[in-house]
Every structure is written in structure tokens, then in C-alpha cells.
C-alpha atoms as a PDB file:
ATOM      1  CA  MET A   1      -0.093   0.574   0.299  1.00  0.00           C
ATOM      2  CA  ILE A   2       1.242   3.306  -0.500  1.00  0.00           C
ATOM      3  CA  GLN A   3      -0.212   6.451   1.211  1.00  0.00           C
ATOM      4  CA  VAL A   4      -0.101   9.459  -0.028  1.00  0.00           C
ATOM      5  CA  LYS A   5      -0.516  12.276   1.586  1.00  0.00           C
ATOM      6  CA  LEU A   6      -2.577  15.772   0.089  1.00  0.00           C
ATOM      7  CA  THR A   7      -2.208  18.313   2.523  1.00  0.00           C
ATOM      8  CA  THR A   8      -3.828  22.309   1.811  1.00  0.00           C
ATOM      9  CA  VAL A   9      -2.617  25.657   1.651  1.00  0.00           C
ATOM     10  CA  THR A  10      -4.201  26.388   4.858  1.00  0.00           C
ATOM     11  CA  GLY A  11      -3.140  23.185   6.487  1.00  0.00           C
ATOM     12  CA  GLU A  12      -5.681  20.395   6.122  1.00  0.00           C
ATOM     13  CA  THR A  13      -4.525  16.809   5.249  1.00  0.00           C
ATOM     14  CA  LYS A  14      -6.002  13.974   3.552  1.00  0.00           C
ATOM     15  CA  THR A  15      -4.397  10.688   3.187  1.00  0.00           C
ATOM     16  CA  ILE A  16      -5.195   8.676   0.478  1.00  0.00           C
ATOM     17  CA  PRO A  17      -3.856   4.696  -0.101  1.00  0.00           C
ATOM     18  CA  PHE A  18      -3.255   3.403  -3.466  1.00  0.00           C
ATOM     19  CA  TYR A  19      -2.268   0.300  -4.424  1.00  0.00           C
ATOM     20  CA  ASN A  20       0.835   1.108  -6.517  1.00  0.00           C
ATOM     21  CA  ARG A  21       3.023   3.736  -8.640  1.00  0.00           C
ATOM     22  CA  GLN A  22       0.827   2.987 -11.196  1.00  0.00           C
ATOM     23  CA  ALA A  23      -2.344   4.023  -9.975  1.00  0.00           C
ATOM     24  CA  VAL A  24      -0.494   7.163  -7.955  1.00  0.00           C
ATOM     25  CA  GLU A  25       0.596   8.899 -11.160  1.00  0.00           C
ATOM     26  CA  ASN A  26      -2.850   8.615 -13.281  1.00  0.00           C
ATOM     27  CA  PHE A  27      -4.316   9.935  -9.432  1.00  0.00           C
ATOM     28  CA  ILE A  28      -1.524  12.547 -10.219  1.00  0.00           C
ATOM     29  CA  GLY A  29      -2.337  13.222 -14.099  1.00  0.00           C
ATOM     30  CA  PHE A  30      -5.721  13.028 -13.102  1.00  0.00           C
ATOM     31  CA  PHE A  31      -6.162  15.438 -10.045  1.00  0.00           C
ATOM     32  CA  PRO A  32      -5.349  18.923 -11.638  1.00  0.00           C
ATOM     33  CA  ALA A  33      -8.354  18.712 -13.524  1.00  0.00           C
ATOM     34  CA  GLN A  34     -10.671  18.340 -10.824  1.00  0.00           C
ATOM     35  CA  LEU A  35      -9.222  21.850  -8.885  1.00  0.00           C
ATOM     36  CA  THR A  36     -10.124  25.218 -10.143  1.00  0.00           C
ATOM     37  CA  GLU A  37      -7.892  26.949 -11.301  1.00  0.00           C
ATOM     38  CA  GLY A  38      -5.310  29.220  -8.686  1.00  0.00           C
ATOM     39  CA  VAL A  39      -6.172  26.336  -6.145  1.00  0.00           C
ATOM     40  CA  ALA A  40      -2.889  24.519  -5.464  1.00  0.00           C
ATOM     41  CA  VAL A  41      -2.320  21.240  -3.155  1.00  0.00           C
ATOM     42  CA  CYS A  42       0.733  19.753  -1.560  1.00  0.00           C
ATOM     43  CA  ILE A  43       1.277  15.637  -2.467  1.00  0.00           C
ATOM     44  CA  ASP A  44       3.970  13.920  -0.322  1.00  0.00           C
ATOM     45  CA  ALA A  45       4.407  10.383  -1.159  1.00  0.00           C
ATOM     46  CA  PRO A  46       7.926   9.188  -0.379  1.00  0.00           C
ATOM     47  CA  LEU A  47       7.514   5.515  -1.468  1.00  0.00           C
ATOM     48  CA  VAL A  48       6.912   6.413  -4.942  1.00  0.00           C
ATOM     49  CA  GLY A  49      10.262   9.520  -4.662  1.00  0.00           C
ATOM     50  CA  ILE A  50       7.261  12.659  -4.236  1.00  0.00           C
ATOM     51  CA  HIS A  51       8.185  15.030  -1.407  1.00  0.00           C
ATOM     52  CA  ASN A  52       6.869  18.063  -1.444  1.00  0.00           C
ATOM     53  CA  GLY A  53       5.345  18.475  -4.441  1.00  0.00           C
ATOM     54  CA  TRP A  54       2.590  20.278  -5.890  1.00  0.00           C
ATOM     55  CA  ILE A  55      -0.399  19.647  -8.049  1.00  0.00           C
ATOM     56  CA  VAL A  56      -2.268  23.002  -9.294  1.00  0.00           C
ATOM     57  CA  GLY A  57      -5.387  23.461 -10.380  1.00  0.00           C
ATOM     58  CA  LYS A  58      -6.359  24.177 -14.505  1.00  0.00           C
ATOM     59  CA  LYS A  59     -10.202  23.661 -14.520  1.00  0.00           C
ATOM     60  CA  PRO A  60     -11.527  26.830 -15.262  1.00  0.00           C
ATOM     61  CA  LYS A  61     -13.247  28.449 -12.984  1.00  0.00           C
ATOM     62  CA  HIS A  62     -16.620  29.678 -15.082  1.00  0.00           C
ATOM     63  CA  GLU A  63     -17.406  25.430 -15.135  1.00  0.00           C
ATOM     64  CA  LEU A  64     -18.164  26.483 -11.777  1.00  0.00           C
ATOM     65  CA  GLU A  65     -20.962  28.532 -12.476  1.00  0.00           C
END
């Protein structure tokens, strides 16, 4: 099990378990499209070599309206 810890800029955290490295990579590729532009989340997944990486949102704000 690979634990991935997400931390918002306000300090809220969530840990998500993944079964393998490919699942983590798929999540990292997919997640920015789910976050609004301007939103960033810190990601830590030491077992796959990610330490304090940042995922930045790509979803345009106008799609929320």
C-alpha cells in the first residue's frame, strides 16, 4: 500500500491509499483537472519519490457557474 498525503495551503490534510505506483501516477495526472485554477495542493508520497510536490488546479473557474 502506498500512502499519499495531500495538504492544502490552509493546513488541512488527507491521506489516500493506493495499491501501486501506476495508480499514484494516474491520480497525479487526473487530479489537476478536478481542482479549480489557482488552487494548489501539496502532495507527499515518499515511497514513490515525491516529497513536497505541488498539484495546481487547471479547471477554469467559469465551469463552476
